[in-house]
Amino acid sequence: MNQFQIRLATEADLPVINDIYNHYVLNSTCTYQIEPERMEDRLKWFAAHGPKHPVTVAEMDGKVLGWGSLSKFHQRAAYANTVENSIYIHHEHRRKKLMRPASSSLSCNRSSV
């Protein structure tokens, strides 16, 4: 069927978000993190996001293939409108251009804030 959609993430998505992220922690240098993210820390991370700093997932046929987020860049006031844009794709779905709509979705969301 290949029904593809981008939607806001929910707490129920956090295990797969964490699994996707931790693959890159263990197999690359792109996260600059050397220990896998613990689920309790992922929950805190998610709680720090919201309408101004959303977390989205890309799914096909109900399966999450990747995720993206906007995170606060810095605490200083001059950075209030600056964000860190993160996009991670499940390693089995890399190089398929699946996350381009997620990137656009995050950009559109940010420009409306």
Protein backbone atom coordinates (compact mmCIF):
# COMPACT_ATOMS: atom_id res chain seq x y z
CA MET A 1 0.00 0.00 0.00
CA ASN A 2 2.90 2.39 0.81
CA GLN A 3 0.88 4.97 2.73
CA PHE A 4 3.48 7.61 3.75
CA GLN A 5 2.80 10.36 6.27
CA ILE A 6 4.55 12.87 8.51
CA ARG A 7 2.88 13.43 11.87
CA LEU A 8 3.65 14.79 15.30
CA ALA A 9 5.33 12.21 17.51
CA THR A 10 3.64 10.84 20.60
CA GLU A 11 5.09 9.28 23.71
CA ALA A 12 4.24 5.89 22.20
CA ASP A 13 6.80 6.61 19.43
CA LEU A 14 9.69 7.12 21.84
CA PRO A 15 10.97 3.52 21.90
CA VAL A 16 11.45 3.49 18.11
CA ILE A 17 12.80 7.06 18.12
CA ASN A 18 15.33 5.97 20.73
CA ASP A 19 16.23 2.81 18.82
CA ILE A 20 16.84 4.79 15.62
CA TYR A 21 18.96 7.34 17.48
CA ASN A 22 20.97 4.78 19.43
CA HIS A 23 21.92 2.97 16.23
CA TYR A 24 23.82 6.10 15.23
CA VAL A 25 25.32 6.53 18.71
CA LEU A 26 26.80 3.03 18.47
CA ASN A 27 27.69 2.98 14.76
CA SER A 28 28.71 6.51 13.78
CA THR A 29 30.03 9.80 15.05
CA CYS A 30 27.11 11.96 13.91
CA THR A 31 25.56 12.30 17.39
CA TYR A 32 28.78 13.12 19.26
CA GLN A 33 27.35 10.93 22.00
CA ILE A 34 29.27 7.83 23.11
CA GLU A 35 26.71 6.15 25.36
CA PRO A 36 23.25 5.09 24.15
CA GLU A 37 20.40 7.34 25.22
CA ARG A 38 18.43 5.89 28.11
CA MET A 39 14.66 5.79 27.83
CA GLU A 40 14.20 7.95 30.93
CA ASP A 41 16.37 10.64 29.31
CA ARG A 42 14.42 10.34 26.06
CA LEU A 43 11.21 10.95 28.01
CA LYS A 44 12.69 14.13 29.52
CA TRP A 45 13.87 15.21 26.06
CA PHE A 46 10.38 14.70 24.65
CA ALA A 47 8.78 16.62 27.52
CA ALA A 48 11.00 19.61 26.67
CA HIS A 49 9.47 19.79 23.17
CA GLY A 50 6.13 21.20 22.12
CA PRO A 51 4.49 23.41 19.50
CA LYS A 52 7.51 25.71 19.15
CA HIS A 53 9.97 22.78 19.13
CA PRO A 54 8.08 19.81 17.66
CA VAL A 55 9.11 16.21 17.22
CA THR A 56 7.74 14.55 14.09
CA VAL A 57 7.86 11.01 12.77
CA ALA A 58 7.75 9.73 9.22
CA GLU A 59 5.84 6.53 8.86
CA MET A 60 4.86 4.23 6.08
CA ASP A 61 2.00 1.79 6.50
CA GLY A 62 1.99 2.49 10.25
CA LYS A 63 5.72 1.81 10.76
CA VAL A 64 8.00 4.65 11.90
CA LEU A 65 10.92 4.96 9.47
CA GLY A 66 12.49 8.11 10.87
CA TRP A 67 12.02 11.16 13.00
CA GLY A 68 12.90 14.82 13.13
CA SER A 69 12.89 17.49 15.78
CA LEU A 70 13.49 21.14 16.41
CA SER A 71 15.25 21.79 19.70
CA LYS A 72 16.16 24.95 21.53
CA PHE A 73 19.67 25.90 20.43
CA HIS A 74 20.89 27.93 23.42
CA GLN A 75 19.54 29.46 26.61
CA ARG A 76 20.72 32.99 25.79
CA ALA A 77 17.91 35.34 24.76
CA ALA A 78 19.50 36.30 21.45
CA TYR A 79 19.15 32.66 20.35
CA ALA A 80 15.40 32.53 21.08
CA ASN A 81 14.54 32.08 17.38
CA THR A 82 17.42 29.71 16.61
CA VAL A 83 16.87 25.97 16.64
CA GLU A 84 18.81 22.77 16.25
CA ASN A 85 17.26 20.72 13.46
CA SER A 86 17.71 16.95 13.86
CA ILE A 87 16.63 14.28 11.39
CA TYR A 88 17.32 10.57 11.81
CA ILE A 89 16.27 7.81 9.44
CA HIS A 90 16.17 4.12 10.33
CA HIS A 91 19.45 2.67 9.04
CA GLU A 92 17.61 0.17 6.81
CA HIS A 93 15.88 3.02 4.96
CA ARG A 94 18.79 5.37 4.37
CA ARG A 95 19.38 6.95 0.94
CA LYS A 96 15.75 6.64 -0.10
CA LYS A 97 14.97 10.35 0.30
CA LEU A 98 12.18 9.50 2.73
CA MET A 99 12.96 12.30 5.16
CA ARG A 100 12.86 15.20 2.71
CA PRO A 101 9.18 15.80 3.51
CA ALA A 102 10.03 15.73 7.23
CA SER A 103 12.66 18.41 6.73
CA SER A 104 10.17 20.56 4.86
CA SER A 105 7.54 19.93 7.51
CA LEU A 106 9.86 21.04 10.30
CA SER A 107 10.88 24.16 8.35
CA CYS A 108 7.26 25.10 7.71
CA ASN A 109 6.36 24.52 11.33
CA ARG A 110 9.20 26.70 12.53
CA SER A 111 8.37 29.56 10.21
CA SER A 112 4.83 29.69 11.56
CA VAL A 113 5.97 30.22 15.18
